[in-house]
Amino acid sequence: MPPLPRLSKRERQIMDIVYRQEKASVTAVWELIPDPPSRTAVRTLLRILEEKGHLKHQVDGREFIYSPTSKRQTAGRSALSNVLNTFFEGSLESAMVAHLSNPKVQIDEDQLKKLQNAIKQARKQGR
């Protein structure tokens, strides 16, 4: 499956709402989006997200009900891949070093153990 096109800030906000709700109408998105634009703008953004391949819709009476075309985790992997390729020349190591060296980042022992376990699993799988 090819990576999906990148999203603007508003598009990410809408996708977050649709993922949380599992299905959402224009009205539901408009009511939940921070600092909402007009309903027409929300409708347009939903159509654009559908054209980009992120959403699909079903008709329920007079409303379109939108749902994601992929699971949140799959979309997240695609977005992470885009970030790694754009800013870190594809290097997960460089991205992690940049993230961990940020003084604002707080990582607790539980998170560090989860990262260590994920690295151990990757080694076992030969990655």
C-alpha atoms as a PDB file:
ATOM      1  CA  MET A   1       0.000   0.000   0.000  1.00  0.00           C
ATOM      2  CA  PRO A   2       1.573   3.338  -1.038  1.00  0.00           C
ATOM      3  CA  PRO A   3       1.894   6.048   1.616  1.00  0.00           C
ATOM      4  CA  LEU A   4      -1.084   8.357   1.908  1.00  0.00           C
ATOM      5  CA  PRO A   5      -0.660  12.062   1.092  1.00  0.00           C
ATOM      6  CA  ARG A   6       0.402  14.309   3.963  1.00  0.00           C
ATOM      7  CA  LEU A   7      -2.116  16.201   6.040  1.00  0.00           C
ATOM      8  CA  SER A   8      -2.483  19.850   7.014  1.00  0.00           C
ATOM      9  CA  LYS A   9      -3.073  20.788  10.661  1.00  0.00           C
ATOM     10  CA  ARG A  10      -6.859  21.010  10.109  1.00  0.00           C
ATOM     11  CA  GLU A  11      -6.879  17.699   8.265  1.00  0.00           C
ATOM     12  CA  ARG A  12      -5.006  16.057  11.179  1.00  0.00           C
ATOM     13  CA  GLN A  13      -7.547  17.510  13.623  1.00  0.00           C
ATOM     14  CA  ILE A  14     -10.399  16.076  11.567  1.00  0.00           C
ATOM     15  CA  MET A  15      -8.724  12.679  11.248  1.00  0.00           C
ATOM     16  CA  ASP A  16      -8.204  12.609  15.023  1.00  0.00           C
ATOM     17  CA  ILE A  17     -11.926  13.227  15.529  1.00  0.00           C
ATOM     18  CA  VAL A  18     -12.965  10.589  12.993  1.00  0.00           C
ATOM     19  CA  TYR A  19     -10.563   8.024  14.514  1.00  0.00           C
ATOM     20  CA  ARG A  20     -11.881   8.715  18.023  1.00  0.00           C
ATOM     21  CA  GLN A  21     -15.524   8.572  16.911  1.00  0.00           C
ATOM     22  CA  GLU A  22     -14.954   5.707  14.411  1.00  0.00           C
ATOM     23  CA  LYS A  23     -17.602   7.347  12.189  1.00  0.00           C
ATOM     24  CA  ALA A  24     -18.545  11.016  11.992  1.00  0.00           C
ATOM     25  CA  SER A  25     -20.841  13.357  10.101  1.00  0.00           C
ATOM     26  CA  VAL A  26     -19.989  16.921   9.091  1.00  0.00           C
ATOM     27  CA  THR A  27     -21.963  18.160  12.097  1.00  0.00           C
ATOM     28  CA  ALA A  28     -20.137  15.862  14.535  1.00  0.00           C
ATOM     29  CA  VAL A  29     -16.744  16.993  13.230  1.00  0.00           C
ATOM     30  CA  TRP A  30     -17.801  20.649  13.259  1.00  0.00           C
ATOM     31  CA  GLU A  31     -18.958  20.354  16.889  1.00  0.00           C
ATOM     32  CA  LEU A  32     -15.722  18.693  18.049  1.00  0.00           C
ATOM     33  CA  ILE A  33     -13.022  20.524  16.083  1.00  0.00           C
ATOM     34  CA  PRO A  34     -11.104  23.227  17.979  1.00  0.00           C
ATOM     35  CA  ASP A  35     -11.874  26.774  16.841  1.00  0.00           C
ATOM     36  CA  PRO A  36     -14.245  25.449  14.171  1.00  0.00           C
ATOM     37  CA  PRO A  37     -14.295  26.866  10.672  1.00  0.00           C
ATOM     38  CA  SER A  38     -17.639  27.047   8.853  1.00  0.00           C
ATOM     39  CA  ARG A  39     -19.609  23.871   8.215  1.00  0.00           C
ATOM     40  CA  THR A  40     -18.916  24.373   4.514  1.00  0.00           C
ATOM     41  CA  ALA A  41     -15.170  24.387   5.225  1.00  0.00           C
ATOM     42  CA  VAL A  42     -15.484  21.195   7.295  1.00  0.00           C
ATOM     43  CA  ARG A  43     -17.479  19.567   4.479  1.00  0.00           C
ATOM     44  CA  THR A  44     -14.800  20.595   1.981  1.00  0.00           C
ATOM     45  CA  LEU A  45     -11.978  19.264   4.180  1.00  0.00           C
ATOM     46  CA  LEU A  46     -13.785  15.934   4.605  1.00  0.00           C
ATOM     47  CA  ARG A  47     -14.162  15.684   0.817  1.00  0.00           C
ATOM     48  CA  ILE A  48     -10.454  16.465   0.365  1.00  0.00           C
ATOM     49  CA  LEU A  49      -9.530  13.800   2.931  1.00  0.00           C
ATOM     50  CA  GLU A  50     -11.670  11.351   0.998  1.00  0.00           C
ATOM     51  CA  GLU A  51      -9.961  12.326  -2.276  1.00  0.00           C
ATOM     52  CA  LYS A  52      -6.565  11.818  -0.605  1.00  0.00           C
ATOM     53  CA  GLY A  53      -7.632   8.317   0.404  1.00  0.00           C
ATOM     54  CA  HIS A  54      -7.856   8.859   4.172  1.00  0.00           C
ATOM     55  CA  LEU A  55     -11.644   8.676   4.475  1.00  0.00           C
ATOM     56  CA  LYS A  56     -14.599   6.972   2.862  1.00  0.00           C
ATOM     57  CA  HIS A  57     -18.270   7.772   3.304  1.00  0.00           C
ATOM     58  CA  GLN A  58     -21.673   6.156   3.471  1.00  0.00           C
ATOM     59  CA  VAL A  59     -24.954   7.958   2.943  1.00  0.00           C
ATOM     60  CA  ASP A  60     -27.350   7.948   5.895  1.00  0.00           C
ATOM     61  CA  GLY A  61     -30.506   9.796   4.897  1.00  0.00           C
ATOM     62  CA  ARG A  62     -29.306  13.247   3.881  1.00  0.00           C
ATOM     63  CA  GLU A  63     -25.948  13.000   5.646  1.00  0.00           C
ATOM     64  CA  PHE A  64     -22.588  11.599   4.645  1.00  0.00           C
ATOM     65  CA  ILE A  65     -21.042   9.538   7.424  1.00  0.00           C
ATOM     66  CA  TYR A  66     -17.254   9.421   7.159  1.00  0.00           C
ATOM     67  CA  SER A  67     -14.950   6.688   8.434  1.00  0.00           C
ATOM     68  CA  PRO A  68     -11.190   6.070   8.111  1.00  0.00           C
ATOM     69  CA  THR A  69      -9.915   3.904   5.266  1.00  0.00           C
ATOM     70  CA  SER A  70      -7.125   2.487   7.433  1.00  0.00           C
ATOM     71  CA  LYS A  71      -6.472   1.826  11.091  1.00  0.00           C
ATOM     72  CA  ARG A  72      -4.934   4.629  13.107  1.00  0.00           C
ATOM     73  CA  GLN A  73      -1.744   2.620  13.668  1.00  0.00           C
ATOM     74  CA  THR A  74      -1.303   2.034   9.918  1.00  0.00           C
ATOM     75  CA  ALA A  75      -1.784   5.723   9.182  1.00  0.00           C
ATOM     76  CA  GLY A  76       0.628   6.577  11.998  1.00  0.00           C
ATOM     77  CA  ARG A  77       3.310   4.343  10.527  1.00  0.00           C
ATOM     78  CA  SER A  78       2.892   6.035   7.155  1.00  0.00           C
ATOM     79  CA  ALA A  79       3.131   9.495   8.749  1.00  0.00           C
ATOM     80  CA  LEU A  80       6.195   8.474  10.775  1.00  0.00           C
ATOM     81  CA  SER A  81       7.846   7.159   7.636  1.00  0.00           C
ATOM     82  CA  ASN A  82       7.219  10.529   5.948  1.00  0.00           C
ATOM     83  CA  VAL A  83       8.756  12.399   8.912  1.00  0.00           C
ATOM     84  CA  LEU A  84      11.795  10.099   9.018  1.00  0.00           C
ATOM     85  CA  ASN A  85      12.404  10.469   5.299  1.00  0.00           C
ATOM     86  CA  THR A  86      11.811  14.236   5.227  1.00  0.00           C
ATOM     87  CA  PHE A  87      13.739  15.329   8.314  1.00  0.00           C
ATOM     88  CA  PHE A  88      16.092  12.472   9.254  1.00  0.00           C
ATOM     89  CA  GLU A  89      17.152  10.921   5.915  1.00  0.00           C
ATOM     90  CA  GLY A  90      15.184   7.814   6.874  1.00  0.00           C
ATOM     91  CA  SER A  91      17.126   7.282  10.101  1.00  0.00           C
ATOM     92  CA  LEU A  92      15.079   6.182  13.095  1.00  0.00           C
ATOM     93  CA  GLU A  93      18.213   6.486  15.216  1.00  0.00           C
ATOM     94  CA  SER A  94      18.660  10.167  14.298  1.00  0.00           C
ATOM     95  CA  ALA A  95      15.004  10.861  15.037  1.00  0.00           C
ATOM     96  CA  MET A  96      15.176   9.140  18.425  1.00  0.00           C
ATOM     97  CA  VAL A  97      18.393  10.971  19.369  1.00  0.00           C
ATOM     98  CA  ALA A  98      16.812  14.289  18.386  1.00  0.00           C
ATOM     99  CA  HIS A  99      13.697  13.495  20.391  1.00  0.00           C
ATOM    100  CA  LEU A 100      15.513  12.225  23.476  1.00  0.00           C
ATOM    101  CA  SER A 101      17.941  15.162  23.496  1.00  0.00           C
ATOM    102  CA  ASN A 102      15.046  17.632  23.695  1.00  0.00           C
ATOM    103  CA  PRO A 103      15.023  18.939  27.290  1.00  0.00           C
ATOM    104  CA  LYS A 104      11.221  19.241  27.183  1.00  0.00           C
ATOM    105  CA  VAL A 105      10.820  15.494  26.627  1.00  0.00           C
ATOM    106  CA  GLN A 106      10.081  13.572  29.807  1.00  0.00           C
ATOM    107  CA  ILE A 107      10.499   9.795  29.626  1.00  0.00           C
ATOM    108  CA  ASP A 108       9.727   7.642  32.627  1.00  0.00           C
ATOM    109  CA  GLU A 109      11.172   4.217  33.494  1.00  0.00           C
ATOM    110  CA  ASP A 110       8.113   2.393  32.175  1.00  0.00           C
ATOM    111  CA  GLN A 111       8.482   4.034  28.761  1.00  0.00           C
ATOM    112  CA  LEU A 112      12.208   3.231  28.678  1.00  0.00           C
ATOM    113  CA  LYS A 113      11.487  -0.426  29.473  1.00  0.00           C
ATOM    114  CA  LYS A 114       8.902  -0.577  26.671  1.00  0.00           C
ATOM    115  CA  LEU A 115      11.450   0.868  24.246  1.00  0.00           C
ATOM    116  CA  GLN A 116      14.068  -1.651  25.396  1.00  0.00           C
ATOM    117  CA  ASN A 117      11.599  -4.501  24.903  1.00  0.00           C
ATOM    118  CA  ALA A 118      10.698  -3.253  21.423  1.00  0.00           C
ATOM    119  CA  ILE A 119      14.417  -3.154  20.519  1.00  0.00           C
ATOM    120  CA  LYS A 120      14.889  -6.704  21.871  1.00  0.00           C
ATOM    121  CA  GLN A 121      11.944  -7.919  19.775  1.00  0.00           C
ATOM    122  CA  ALA A 122      13.339  -6.239  16.659  1.00  0.00           C
ATOM    123  CA  ARG A 123      16.698  -7.950  17.239  1.00  0.00           C
ATOM    124  CA  LYS A 124      15.005 -11.351  17.640  1.00  0.00           C
ATOM    125  CA  GLN A 125      13.183 -10.798  14.359  1.00  0.00           C
ATOM    126  CA  GLY A 126      16.440  -9.861  12.631  1.00  0.00           C
ATOM    127  CA  ARG A 127      15.522  -6.259  11.917  1.00  0.00           C
END
